[in-house]
Full PDB file with SEQRES, HELIX, SHEET, SSBOND, CRYST1, ORIGX, SCALE, CONECT and MASTER records, all heavy atoms in Angstrom:
SEQRES   1 A   42  LYS GLY LEU ARG CYS ASN LEU LEU ILE ASP TYR PRO TYR          
SEQRES   2 A   42  LEU PRO ALA LEU LYS GLU MET GLY MET ALA VAL GLY PHE          
SEQRES   3 A   42  GLY ASN GLU LYS LEU GLN ILE GLY ALA ILE LYS ILE PHE          
SEQRES   4 A   42  ALA ASP GLY                                                  
HELIX    1 AA1 TYR A   11  TYR A   13  5                                   3    
HELIX    2 AA2 LEU A   14  GLU A   19  1                                   6    
SHEET    1 AA1 2 CYS A   5  ASP A  10  0                                        
SHEET    2 AA1 2 LEU A  31  LYS A  37  1                                        
CRYST1    1.000    1.000    1.000  90.00  90.00  90.00 P 1           1          
ORIGX1      1.000000  0.000000  0.000000        0.00000                         
ORIGX2      0.000000  1.000000  0.000000        0.00000                         
ORIGX3      0.000000  0.000000  1.000000        0.00000                         
SCALE1      1.000000  0.000000  0.000000        0.00000                         
SCALE2      0.000000  1.000000  0.000000        0.00000                         
SCALE3      0.000000  0.000000  1.000000        0.00000                         
ATOM      1  N   LYS A   1       0.819  -1.272   0.013  1.00  0.00           N  
ATOM      2  CA  LYS A   1       0.003  -0.027   0.000  1.00  0.00           C  
ATOM      3  C   LYS A   1       0.858   1.289  -0.009  1.00  0.00           C  
ATOM      4  O   LYS A   1       0.303   2.384  -0.149  1.00  0.00           O  
ATOM      5  CB  LYS A   1      -0.952   0.014   1.243  1.00  0.00           C  
ATOM      6  CG  LYS A   1      -2.032  -1.064   1.126  1.00  0.00           C  
ATOM      7  CD  LYS A   1      -2.872  -0.907  -0.112  1.00  0.00           C  
ATOM      8  CE  LYS A   1      -4.006  -1.973  -0.070  1.00  0.00           C  
ATOM      9  NZ  LYS A   1      -4.791  -1.999  -1.322  1.00  0.00           N  
ATOM     10  N   GLY A   2       2.143   1.127   0.252  1.00  0.00           N  
ATOM     11  CA  GLY A   2       3.086   2.324   0.014  1.00  0.00           C  
ATOM     12  C   GLY A   2       3.306   3.180   1.150  1.00  0.00           C  
ATOM     13  O   GLY A   2       4.528   3.397   1.441  1.00  0.00           O  
ATOM     14  N   LEU A   3       2.372   3.638   1.846  1.00  0.00           N  
ATOM     15  CA  LEU A   3       2.633   4.560   2.921  1.00  0.00           C  
ATOM     16  C   LEU A   3       3.578   4.004   4.029  1.00  0.00           C  
ATOM     17  O   LEU A   3       3.267   2.906   4.517  1.00  0.00           O  
ATOM     18  CB  LEU A   3       1.316   5.059   3.546  1.00  0.00           C  
ATOM     19  CG  LEU A   3       1.302   6.193   4.586  1.00  0.00           C  
ATOM     20  CD1 LEU A   3       1.715   7.550   3.897  1.00  0.00           C  
ATOM     21  CD2 LEU A   3       0.019   6.281   5.236  1.00  0.00           C  
ATOM     22  N   ARG A   4       4.580   4.752   4.423  1.00  0.00           N  
ATOM     23  CA  ARG A   4       5.408   4.312   5.517  1.00  0.00           C  
ATOM     24  C   ARG A   4       4.775   4.632   6.810  1.00  0.00           C  
ATOM     25  O   ARG A   4       4.371   5.722   7.076  1.00  0.00           O  
ATOM     26  CB  ARG A   4       6.812   5.001   5.442  1.00  0.00           C  
ATOM     27  CG  ARG A   4       7.518   4.695   4.106  1.00  0.00           C  
ATOM     28  CD  ARG A   4       8.963   5.261   4.204  1.00  0.00           C  
ATOM     29  NE  ARG A   4       9.479   5.364   2.834  1.00  0.00           N  
ATOM     30  CZ  ARG A   4      10.130   4.319   2.191  1.00  0.00           C  
ATOM     31  NH1 ARG A   4      10.217   3.088   2.826  1.00  0.00           N  
ATOM     32  NH2 ARG A   4      10.572   4.425   0.954  1.00  0.00           N  
ATOM     33  N   CYS A   5       4.721   3.780   7.777  1.00  0.00           N  
ATOM     34  CA  CYS A   5       4.074   3.953   9.102  1.00  0.00           C  
ATOM     35  C   CYS A   5       4.911   3.551  10.168  1.00  0.00           C  
ATOM     36  O   CYS A   5       5.541   2.485  10.237  1.00  0.00           O  
ATOM     37  CB  CYS A   5       2.806   3.117   9.088  1.00  0.00           C  
ATOM     38  SG  CYS A   5       1.509   3.570   7.833  1.00  0.00           S  
ATOM     39  N   ASN A   6       5.049   4.590  11.192  1.00  0.00           N  
ATOM     40  CA  ASN A   6       5.701   4.287  12.469  1.00  0.00           C  
ATOM     41  C   ASN A   6       4.588   4.271  13.507  1.00  0.00           C  
ATOM     42  O   ASN A   6       3.753   5.043  13.622  1.00  0.00           O  
ATOM     43  CB  ASN A   6       6.689   5.432  12.748  1.00  0.00           C  
ATOM     44  CG  ASN A   6       7.376   5.273  14.062  1.00  0.00           C  
ATOM     45  OD1 ASN A   6       6.938   5.530  15.076  1.00  0.00           O  
ATOM     46  ND2 ASN A   6       8.604   4.740  13.870  1.00  0.00           N  
ATOM     47  N   LEU A   7       4.564   3.081  14.211  1.00  0.00           N  
ATOM     48  CA  LEU A   7       3.352   2.770  15.140  1.00  0.00           C  
ATOM     49  C   LEU A   7       3.704   3.207  16.526  1.00  0.00           C  
ATOM     50  O   LEU A   7       4.556   2.607  17.219  1.00  0.00           O  
ATOM     51  CB  LEU A   7       2.985   1.299  15.042  1.00  0.00           C  
ATOM     52  CG  LEU A   7       2.792   0.783  13.655  1.00  0.00           C  
ATOM     53  CD1 LEU A   7       2.353  -0.776  13.768  1.00  0.00           C  
ATOM     54  CD2 LEU A   7       1.776   1.512  12.891  1.00  0.00           C  
ATOM     55  N   LEU A   8       3.142   4.200  17.071  1.00  0.00           N  
ATOM     56  CA  LEU A   8       3.138   4.531  18.476  1.00  0.00           C  
ATOM     57  C   LEU A   8       2.299   3.505  19.287  1.00  0.00           C  
ATOM     58  O   LEU A   8       1.147   3.313  18.872  1.00  0.00           O  
ATOM     59  CB  LEU A   8       2.707   5.981  18.784  1.00  0.00           C  
ATOM     60  CG  LEU A   8       3.791   6.991  18.691  1.00  0.00           C  
ATOM     61  CD1 LEU A   8       4.347   7.087  17.239  1.00  0.00           C  
ATOM     62  CD2 LEU A   8       3.263   8.374  19.164  1.00  0.00           C  
ATOM     63  N   ILE A   9       2.798   2.940  20.371  1.00  0.00           N  
ATOM     64  CA  ILE A   9       2.108   1.929  21.078  1.00  0.00           C  
ATOM     65  C   ILE A   9       1.691   2.407  22.504  1.00  0.00           C  
ATOM     66  O   ILE A   9       2.542   2.871  23.260  1.00  0.00           O  
ATOM     67  CB  ILE A   9       3.092   0.658  21.223  1.00  0.00           C  
ATOM     68  CG1 ILE A   9       3.657   0.323  19.826  1.00  0.00           C  
ATOM     69  CG2 ILE A   9       2.321  -0.441  21.897  1.00  0.00           C  
ATOM     70  CD1 ILE A   9       2.706  -0.155  18.853  1.00  0.00           C  
ATOM     71  N   ASP A  10       0.360   2.308  22.749  1.00  0.00           N  
ATOM     72  CA  ASP A  10      -0.092   2.692  24.038  1.00  0.00           C  
ATOM     73  C   ASP A  10       0.496   1.897  25.113  1.00  0.00           C  
ATOM     74  O   ASP A  10       0.693   0.704  25.062  1.00  0.00           O  
ATOM     75  CB  ASP A  10      -1.653   2.534  24.031  1.00  0.00           C  
ATOM     76  CG  ASP A  10      -2.392   3.196  22.871  1.00  0.00           C  
ATOM     77  OD1 ASP A  10      -2.621   4.422  22.928  1.00  0.00           O  
ATOM     78  OD2 ASP A  10      -2.532   2.534  21.874  1.00  0.00           O  
ATOM     79  N   TYR A  11       0.764   2.521  26.300  1.00  0.00           N  
ATOM     80  CA  TYR A  11       1.560   1.886  27.305  1.00  0.00           C  
ATOM     81  C   TYR A  11       0.974   0.596  27.949  1.00  0.00           C  
ATOM     82  O   TYR A  11       1.714  -0.265  28.353  1.00  0.00           O  
ATOM     83  CB  TYR A  11       1.843   2.922  28.498  1.00  0.00           C  
ATOM     84  CG  TYR A  11       0.688   3.176  29.379  1.00  0.00           C  
ATOM     85  CD1 TYR A  11       0.410   2.461  30.516  1.00  0.00           C  
ATOM     86  CD2 TYR A  11      -0.141   4.272  29.236  1.00  0.00           C  
ATOM     87  CE1 TYR A  11      -0.629   2.625  31.347  1.00  0.00           C  
ATOM     88  CE2 TYR A  11      -1.235   4.580  30.025  1.00  0.00           C  
ATOM     89  CZ  TYR A  11      -1.408   3.790  31.152  1.00  0.00           C  
ATOM     90  OH  TYR A  11      -2.450   4.071  31.954  1.00  0.00           O  
ATOM     91  N   PRO A  12      -0.422   0.400  27.954  1.00  0.00           N  
ATOM     92  CA  PRO A  12      -0.889  -0.894  28.496  1.00  0.00           C  
ATOM     93  C   PRO A  12      -0.358  -2.030  27.648  1.00  0.00           C  
ATOM     94  O   PRO A  12      -0.544  -3.200  28.119  1.00  0.00           O  
ATOM     95  CB  PRO A  12      -2.391  -0.690  28.325  1.00  0.00           C  
ATOM     96  CG  PRO A  12      -2.644   0.697  28.430  1.00  0.00           C  
ATOM     97  CD  PRO A  12      -1.543   1.382  27.627  1.00  0.00           C  
ATOM     98  N   TYR A  13       0.092  -1.816  26.432  1.00  0.00           N  
ATOM     99  CA  TYR A  13       0.538  -2.908  25.523  1.00  0.00           C  
ATOM    100  C   TYR A  13       2.076  -3.174  25.700  1.00  0.00           C  
ATOM    101  O   TYR A  13       2.641  -3.983  24.962  1.00  0.00           O  
ATOM    102  CB  TYR A  13       0.227  -2.588  24.078  1.00  0.00           C  
ATOM    103  CG  TYR A  13      -1.251  -2.492  23.849  1.00  0.00           C  
ATOM    104  CD1 TYR A  13      -1.841  -1.225  23.619  1.00  0.00           C  
ATOM    105  CD2 TYR A  13      -2.131  -3.630  23.844  1.00  0.00           C  
ATOM    106  CE1 TYR A  13      -3.227  -1.057  23.462  1.00  0.00           C  
ATOM    107  CE2 TYR A  13      -3.437  -3.505  23.573  1.00  0.00           C  
ATOM    108  CZ  TYR A  13      -4.019  -2.217  23.484  1.00  0.00           C  
ATOM    109  OH  TYR A  13      -5.347  -2.096  23.244  1.00  0.00           O  
ATOM    110  N   LEU A  14       2.677  -2.575  26.701  1.00  0.00           N  
ATOM    111  CA  LEU A  14       4.143  -2.813  26.951  1.00  0.00           C  
ATOM    112  C   LEU A  14       4.444  -4.305  27.137  1.00  0.00           C  
ATOM    113  O   LEU A  14       5.351  -4.913  26.504  1.00  0.00           O  
ATOM    114  CB  LEU A  14       4.618  -1.993  28.159  1.00  0.00           C  
ATOM    115  CG  LEU A  14       5.380  -0.731  27.811  1.00  0.00           C  
ATOM    116  CD1 LEU A  14       5.625   0.033  29.068  1.00  0.00           C  
ATOM    117  CD2 LEU A  14       6.707  -1.000  27.081  1.00  0.00           C  
ATOM    118  N   PRO A  15       3.591  -5.026  27.957  1.00  0.00           N  
ATOM    119  CA  PRO A  15       3.863  -6.413  28.191  1.00  0.00           C  
ATOM    120  C   PRO A  15       3.713  -7.271  26.848  1.00  0.00           C  
ATOM    121  O   PRO A  15       4.478  -8.201  26.531  1.00  0.00           O  
ATOM    122  CB  PRO A  15       2.870  -6.930  29.204  1.00  0.00           C  
ATOM    123  CG  PRO A  15       2.515  -5.551  29.993  1.00  0.00           C  
ATOM    124  CD  PRO A  15       2.538  -4.519  28.884  1.00  0.00           C  
ATOM    125  N   ALA A  16       2.625  -6.898  26.079  1.00  0.00           N  
ATOM    126  CA  ALA A  16       2.443  -7.602  24.832  1.00  0.00           C  
ATOM    127  C   ALA A  16       3.606  -7.382  23.911  1.00  0.00           C  
ATOM    128  O   ALA A  16       4.007  -8.235  23.059  1.00  0.00           O  
ATOM    129  CB  ALA A  16       1.087  -7.122  24.179  1.00  0.00           C  
ATOM    130  N   LEU A  17       4.160  -6.164  23.862  1.00  0.00           N  
ATOM    131  CA  LEU A  17       5.258  -5.834  23.042  1.00  0.00           C  
ATOM    132  C   LEU A  17       6.463  -6.724  23.348  1.00  0.00           C  
ATOM    133  O   LEU A  17       7.131  -7.200  22.383  1.00  0.00           O  
ATOM    134  CB  LEU A  17       5.630  -4.378  23.294  1.00  0.00           C  
ATOM    135  CG  LEU A  17       6.413  -3.606  22.222  1.00  0.00           C  
ATOM    136  CD1 LEU A  17       5.633  -3.465  20.877  1.00  0.00           C  
ATOM    137  CD2 LEU A  17       6.699  -2.169  22.677  1.00  0.00           C  
ATOM    138  N   LYS A  18       6.691  -6.940  24.638  1.00  0.00           N  
ATOM    139  CA  LYS A  18       7.795  -7.779  25.090  1.00  0.00           C  
ATOM    140  C   LYS A  18       7.592  -9.232  24.634  1.00  0.00           C  
ATOM    141  O   LYS A  18       8.421  -9.922  24.154  1.00  0.00           O  
ATOM    142  CB  LYS A  18       7.896  -7.746  26.594  1.00  0.00           C  
ATOM    143  CG  LYS A  18       9.140  -8.355  27.177  1.00  0.00           C  
ATOM    144  CD  LYS A  18       9.369  -8.061  28.575  1.00  0.00           C  
ATOM    145  CE  LYS A  18      10.585  -8.635  29.168  1.00  0.00           C  
ATOM    146  NZ  LYS A  18      10.836  -8.279  30.610  1.00  0.00           N  
ATOM    147  N   GLU A  19       6.302  -9.668  24.842  1.00  0.00           N  
ATOM    148  CA  GLU A  19       5.851 -11.138  24.502  1.00  0.00           C  
ATOM    149  C   GLU A  19       6.153 -11.339  22.962  1.00  0.00           C  
ATOM    150  O   GLU A  19       6.568 -12.428  22.570  1.00  0.00           O  
ATOM    151  CB  GLU A  19       4.472 -11.321  24.850  1.00  0.00           C  
ATOM    152  CG  GLU A  19       4.204 -11.535  26.320  1.00  0.00           C  
ATOM    153  CD  GLU A  19       2.769 -11.633  26.662  1.00  0.00           C  
ATOM    154  OE1 GLU A  19       1.998 -12.023  25.770  1.00  0.00           O  
ATOM    155  OE2 GLU A  19       2.383 -11.327  27.830  1.00  0.00           O  
ATOM    156  N   MET A  20       5.881 -10.372  22.228  1.00  0.00           N  
ATOM    157  CA  MET A  20       5.962 -10.511  20.704  1.00  0.00           C  
ATOM    158  C   MET A  20       7.427 -10.296  20.205  1.00  0.00           C  
ATOM    159  O   MET A  20       7.605 -10.329  19.033  1.00  0.00           O  
ATOM    160  CB  MET A  20       4.999  -9.470  19.959  1.00  0.00           C  
ATOM    161  CG  MET A  20       3.482  -9.843  20.205  1.00  0.00           C  
ATOM    162  SD  MET A  20       2.422  -8.573  19.561  1.00  0.00           S  
ATOM    163  CE  MET A  20       2.574  -8.743  17.798  1.00  0.00           C  
ATOM    164  N   GLY A  21       8.299  -9.959  21.153  1.00  0.00           N  
ATOM    165  CA  GLY A  21       9.741  -9.795  20.787  1.00  0.00           C  
ATOM    166  C   GLY A  21       9.967  -8.550  20.066  1.00  0.00           C  
ATOM    167  O   GLY A  21      10.872  -8.491  19.197  1.00  0.00           O  
ATOM    168  N   MET A  22       9.163  -7.506  20.298  1.00  0.00           N  
ATOM    169  CA  MET A  22       9.181  -6.239  19.591  1.00  0.00           C  
ATOM    170  C   MET A  22       9.670  -5.117  20.582  1.00  0.00           C  
ATOM    171  O   MET A  22       9.489  -5.118  21.700  1.00  0.00           O  
ATOM    172  CB  MET A  22       7.848  -5.798  19.045  1.00  0.00           C  
ATOM    173  CG  MET A  22       7.318  -6.679  17.987  1.00  0.00           C  
ATOM    174  SD  MET A  22       5.622  -6.077  17.400  1.00  0.00           S  
ATOM    175  CE  MET A  22       5.316  -7.281  16.147  1.00  0.00           C  
ATOM    176  N   ALA A  23      10.384  -4.282  19.916  1.00  0.00           N  
ATOM    177  CA  ALA A  23      10.823  -2.958  20.583  1.00  0.00           C  
ATOM    178  C   ALA A  23      10.951  -1.806  19.607  1.00  0.00           C  
ATOM    179  O   ALA A  23      10.685  -2.072  18.372  1.00  0.00           O  
ATOM    180  CB  ALA A  23      12.191  -3.216  21.251  1.00  0.00           C  
ATOM    181  N   VAL A  24      11.270  -0.604  20.126  1.00  0.00           N  
ATOM    182  CA  VAL A  24      11.360   0.470  19.151  1.00  0.00           C  
ATOM    183  C   VAL A  24      12.318   0.181  18.015  1.00  0.00           C  
ATOM    184  O   VAL A  24      13.411  -0.468  18.248  1.00  0.00           O  
ATOM    185  CB  VAL A  24      11.799   1.767  19.900  1.00  0.00           C  
ATOM    186  CG1 VAL A  24      13.213   1.629  20.463  1.00  0.00           C  
ATOM    187  CG2 VAL A  24      11.750   2.947  18.980  1.00  0.00           C  
ATOM    188  N   GLY A  25      11.945   0.418  16.767  1.00  0.00           N  
ATOM    189  CA  GLY A  25      12.863   0.078  15.609  1.00  0.00           C  
ATOM    190  C   GLY A  25      12.526  -1.202  14.967  1.00  0.00           C  
ATOM    191  O   GLY A  25      13.094  -1.372  13.911  1.00  0.00           O  
ATOM    192  N   PHE A  26      11.692  -2.036  15.611  1.00  0.00           N  
ATOM    193  CA  PHE A  26      11.402  -3.321  15.105  1.00  0.00           C  
ATOM    194  C   PHE A  26      10.677  -3.140  13.767  1.00  0.00           C  
ATOM    195  O   PHE A  26       9.681  -2.338  13.646  1.00  0.00           O  
ATOM    196  CB  PHE A  26      10.537  -4.076  16.044  1.00  0.00           C  
ATOM    197  CG  PHE A  26      10.045  -5.480  15.496  1.00  0.00           C  
ATOM    198  CD1 PHE A  26      10.807  -6.612  15.756  1.00  0.00           C  
ATOM    199  CD2 PHE A  26       8.942  -5.610  14.717  1.00  0.00           C  
ATOM    200  CE1 PHE A  26      10.402  -7.854  15.248  1.00  0.00           C  
ATOM    201  CE2 PHE A  26       8.523  -6.792  14.252  1.00  0.00           C  
ATOM    202  CZ  PHE A  26       9.231  -7.920  14.474  1.00  0.00           C  
ATOM    203  N   GLY A  27      10.980  -3.950  12.742  1.00  0.00           N  
ATOM    204  CA  GLY A  27      10.343  -3.894  11.449  1.00  0.00           C  
ATOM    205  C   GLY A  27      11.286  -3.430  10.334  1.00  0.00           C  
ATOM    206  O   GLY A  27      12.407  -3.979  10.360  1.00  0.00           O  
ATOM    207  N   ASN A  28      10.842  -2.639   9.458  1.00  0.00           N  
ATOM    208  CA  ASN A  28      11.790  -2.219   8.259  1.00  0.00           C  
ATOM    209  C   ASN A  28      11.485  -0.770   8.001  1.00  0.00           C  
ATOM    210  O   ASN A  28      10.806  -0.148   8.776  1.00  0.00           O  
ATOM    211  CB  ASN A  28      11.468  -3.182   7.047  1.00  0.00           C  
ATOM    212  CG  ASN A  28       9.978  -3.209   6.682  1.00  0.00           C  
ATOM    213  OD1 ASN A  28       9.239  -2.144   6.828  1.00  0.00           O  
ATOM    214  ND2 ASN A  28       9.485  -4.376   6.226  1.00  0.00           N  
ATOM    215  N   GLU A  29      11.982  -0.357   6.842  1.00  0.00           N  
ATOM    216  CA  GLU A  29      11.802   1.105   6.423  1.00  0.00           C  
ATOM    217  C   GLU A  29      10.376   1.459   6.067  1.00  0.00           C  
ATOM    218  O   GLU A  29      10.123   2.676   5.966  1.00  0.00           O  
ATOM    219  CB  GLU A  29      12.822   1.394   5.388  1.00  0.00           C  
ATOM    220  CG  GLU A  29      14.282   1.382   5.857  1.00  0.00           C  
ATOM    221  CD  GLU A  29      15.258   1.291   4.697  1.00  0.00           C  
ATOM    222  OE1 GLU A  29      14.884   1.071   3.526  1.00  0.00           O  
ATOM    223  OE2 GLU A  29      16.499   1.410   4.977  1.00  0.00           O  
ATOM    224  N   LYS A  30       9.507   0.490   5.904  1.00  0.00           N  
ATOM    225  CA  LYS A  30       8.119   0.786   5.575  1.00  0.00           C  
ATOM    226  C   LYS A  30       7.272   0.817   6.837  1.00  0.00           C  
ATOM    227  O   LYS A  30       6.283   1.529   6.958  1.00  0.00           O  
ATOM    228  CB  LYS A  30       7.641  -0.178   4.498  1.00  0.00           C  
ATOM    229  CG  LYS A  30       8.333  -0.007   3.226  1.00  0.00           C  
ATOM    230  CD  LYS A  30       7.739  -0.873   2.121  1.00  0.00           C  
ATOM    231  CE  LYS A  30       8.322  -0.663   0.710  1.00  0.00           C  
ATOM    232  NZ  LYS A  30       7.717  -1.520  -0.245  1.00  0.00           N  
ATOM    233  N   LEU A  31       7.516  -0.107   7.726  1.00  0.00           N  
ATOM    234  CA  LEU A  31       6.655  -0.281   8.879  1.00  0.00           C  
ATOM    235  C   LEU A  31       7.526  -0.609  10.075  1.00  0.00           C  
ATOM    236  O   LEU A  31       8.398  -1.476  10.074  1.00  0.00           O  
ATOM    237  CB  LEU A  31       5.767  -1.517   8.669  1.00  0.00           C  
ATOM    238  CG  LEU A  31       4.883  -1.882   9.865  1.00  0.00           C  
ATOM    239  CD1 LEU A  31       3.898  -0.768  10.261  1.00  0.00           C  
ATOM    240  CD2 LEU A  31       4.072  -3.228   9.634  1.00  0.00           C  
ATOM    241  N   GLN A  32       7.403   0.256  11.181  1.00  0.00           N  
ATOM    242  CA  GLN A  32       8.303   0.184  12.264  1.00  0.00           C  
ATOM    243  C   GLN A  32       7.579   0.457  13.603  1.00  0.00           C  
ATOM    244  O   GLN A  32       6.639   1.217  13.666  1.00  0.00           O  
ATOM    245  CB  GLN A  32       9.393   1.160  12.079  1.00  0.00           C  
ATOM    246  CG  GLN A  32      10.752   0.862  12.744  1.00  0.00           C  
ATOM    247  CD  GLN A  32      11.828   1.793  12.278  1.00  0.00           C  
ATOM    248  OE1 GLN A  32      12.158   2.748  12.934  1.00  0.00           O  
ATOM    249  NE2 GLN A  32      12.426   1.410  11.151  1.00  0.00           N  
ATOM    250  N   ILE A  33       8.027  -0.190  14.663  1.00  0.00           N  
ATOM    251  CA  ILE A  33       7.472   0.119  15.968  1.00  0.00           C  
ATOM    252  C   ILE A  33       8.150   1.425  16.509  1.00  0.00           C  
ATOM    253  O   ILE A  33       9.386   1.591  16.310  1.00  0.00           O  
ATOM    254  CB  ILE A  33       7.780  -1.031  16.952  1.00  0.00           C  
ATOM    255  CG1 ILE A  33       7.065  -2.316  16.551  1.00  0.00           C  
ATOM    256  CG2 ILE A  33       7.450  -0.640  18.467  1.00  0.00           C  
ATOM    257  CD1 ILE A  33       5.532  -2.195  16.703  1.00  0.00           C  
ATOM    258  N   GLY A  34       7.320   2.360  17.080  1.00  0.00           N  
ATOM    259  CA  GLY A  34       7.822   3.515  17.590  1.00  0.00           C  
ATOM    260  C   GLY A  34       7.769   3.631  19.092  1.00  0.00           C  
ATOM    261  O   GLY A  34       8.013   2.645  19.729  1.00  0.00           O  
ATOM    262  N   ALA A  35       7.531   4.784  19.585  1.00  0.00           N  
ATOM    263  CA  ALA A  35       7.525   5.033  20.995  1.00  0.00           C  
ATOM    264  C   ALA A  35       6.265   4.570  21.778  1.00  0.00           C  
ATOM    265  O   ALA A  35       5.299   4.220  21.114  1.00  0.00           O  
ATOM    266  CB  ALA A  35       7.761   6.610  21.287  1.00  0.00           C  
ATOM    267  N   ILE A  36       6.372   4.604  23.096  1.00  0.00           N  
ATOM    268  CA  ILE A  36       5.273   4.262  23.981  1.00  0.00           C  
ATOM    269  C   ILE A  36       4.383   5.557  24.155  1.00  0.00           C  
ATOM    270  O   ILE A  36       4.876   6.480  24.773  1.00  0.00           O  
ATOM    271  CB  ILE A  36       5.758   3.599  25.341  1.00  0.00           C  
ATOM    272  CG1 ILE A  36       6.477   2.340  24.941  1.00  0.00           C  
ATOM    273  CG2 ILE A  36       4.679   3.470  26.339  1.00  0.00           C  
ATOM    274  CD1 ILE A  36       5.677   1.286  24.412  1.00  0.00           C  
ATOM    275  N   LYS A  37       3.151   5.410  23.923  1.00  0.00           N  
ATOM    276  CA  LYS A  37       2.207   6.575  24.017  1.00  0.00           C  
ATOM    277  C   LYS A  37       1.575   6.641  25.428  1.00  0.00           C  
ATOM    278  O   LYS A  37       1.085   5.647  25.868  1.00  0.00           O  
ATOM    279  CB  LYS A  37       1.122   6.494  22.946  1.00  0.00           C  
ATOM    280  CG  LYS A  37       0.044   7.545  23.057  1.00  0.00           C  
ATOM    281  CD  LYS A  37       0.549   8.925  22.646  1.00  0.00           C  
ATOM    282  CE  LYS A  37      -0.592   9.948  22.821  1.00  0.00           C  
ATOM    283  NZ  LYS A  37      -1.748   9.788  21.987  1.00  0.00           N  
ATOM    284  N   ILE A  38       1.571   7.785  26.011  1.00  0.00           N  
ATOM    285  CA  ILE A  38       1.118   8.063  27.387  1.00  0.00           C  
ATOM    286  C   ILE A  38       0.302   9.345  27.332  1.00  0.00           C  
ATOM    287  O   ILE A  38       0.715  10.251  26.678  1.00  0.00           O  
ATOM    288  CB  ILE A  38       2.243   8.147  28.485  1.00  0.00           C  
ATOM    289  CG1 ILE A  38       3.163   6.963  28.353  1.00  0.00           C  
ATOM    290  CG2 ILE A  38       1.663   8.242  29.733  1.00  0.00           C  
ATOM    291  CD1 ILE A  38       4.412   7.134  29.086  1.00  0.00           C  
ATOM    292  N   PHE A  39      -0.731   9.373  28.131  1.00  0.00           N  
ATOM    293  CA  PHE A  39      -1.498  10.655  28.318  1.00  0.00           C  
ATOM    294  C   PHE A  39      -1.103  11.301  29.648  1.00  0.00           C  
ATOM    295  O   PHE A  39      -1.263  10.563  30.747  1.00  0.00           O  
ATOM    296  CB  PHE A  39      -2.961  10.474  28.232  1.00  0.00           C  
ATOM    297  CG  PHE A  39      -3.522  10.384  26.856  1.00  0.00           C  
ATOM    298  CD1 PHE A  39      -3.609   9.209  26.267  1.00  0.00           C  
ATOM    299  CD2 PHE A  39      -3.985  11.502  26.241  1.00  0.00           C  
ATOM    300  CE1 PHE A  39      -4.165   9.103  24.883  1.00  0.00           C  
ATOM    301  CE2 PHE A  39      -4.521  11.514  25.026  1.00  0.00           C  
ATOM    302  CZ  PHE A  39      -4.599  10.321  24.301  1.00  0.00           C  
ATOM    303  N   ALA A  40      -0.679  12.486  29.734  1.00  0.00           N  
ATOM    304  CA  ALA A  40      -0.390  13.160  30.939  1.00  0.00           C  
ATOM    305  C   ALA A  40      -1.518  14.027  31.464  1.00  0.00           C  
ATOM    306  O   ALA A  40      -1.758  14.251  32.632  1.00  0.00           O  
ATOM    307  CB  ALA A  40       0.853  14.038  30.828  1.00  0.00           C  
ATOM    308  N   ASP A  41      -2.327  14.581  30.440  1.00  0.00           N  
ATOM    309  CA  ASP A  41      -3.489  15.430  30.808  1.00  0.00           C  
ATOM    310  C   ASP A  41      -4.493  15.368  29.731  1.00  0.00           C  
ATOM    311  O   ASP A  41      -4.475  14.477  28.785  1.00  0.00           O  
ATOM    312  CB  ASP A  41      -3.116  16.830  31.120  1.00  0.00           C  
ATOM    313  CG  ASP A  41      -2.496  17.600  29.941  1.00  0.00           C  
ATOM    314  OD1 ASP A  41      -2.109  17.013  28.852  1.00  0.00           O  
ATOM    315  OD2 ASP A  41      -2.338  18.857  29.954  1.00  0.00           O  
ATOM    316  N   GLY A  42      -5.544  16.283  29.750  1.00  0.00           N  
ATOM    317  CA  GLY A  42      -6.618  16.264  28.810  1.00  0.00           C  
ATOM    318  C   GLY A  42      -6.499  17.337  27.764  1.00  0.00           C  
ATOM    319  O   GLY A  42      -5.503  17.477  27.094  1.00  0.00           O  
TER     320      GLY A  42                                                      
MASTER        0    0    0    2    2    0    0    6  319    1    0    4          
END                                                                             
């Protein structure tokens, strides 16, 4: 589909990320795992 995507991962999925053997930079130049997303305020 062409579009390059960097995926920000919500913090509750940190354990799942570890279980799947993924960390920041996992993937390739088209699709990659990014930072952990957190909300500090509204």
